[in-house]
Amino acid sequence: MCGPGEFGNNCTARCNCEDGAACNTTTGLCPTGGCKPGWTGNSCDTSNALSLDKINLFYADNLFKLVLLVSLSHKLIEFLRRKSGETF
């Protein structure tokens, strides 16, 4: 038998029901259907918080796009200057 806040095979999954209520030890469903703040899902086992990995991936992806944009802009300016006969 699982303890409060635990469910599933070998009680390895955790639920986060509102008001500290215990979830169903088999399904993980909360008795009121509500989750603690910051949690979602049928069993209130999915965090709403942004993880550091998600934040780092967002910034790394945008940094790559920015570097690519600056590089392409520089190449375009260089091309246009050469085409018009300007020198650096």
Foldseek 3Di string as FASTA:
>chain_A
DEDFQFADDVRPAGAAAPPSAGADRHPLAGPVNHGDPQFDDRNSRHGPDDDPVNVVVVVVVVVVVVVVVVVVVVVVVVVVCVVVPHDD
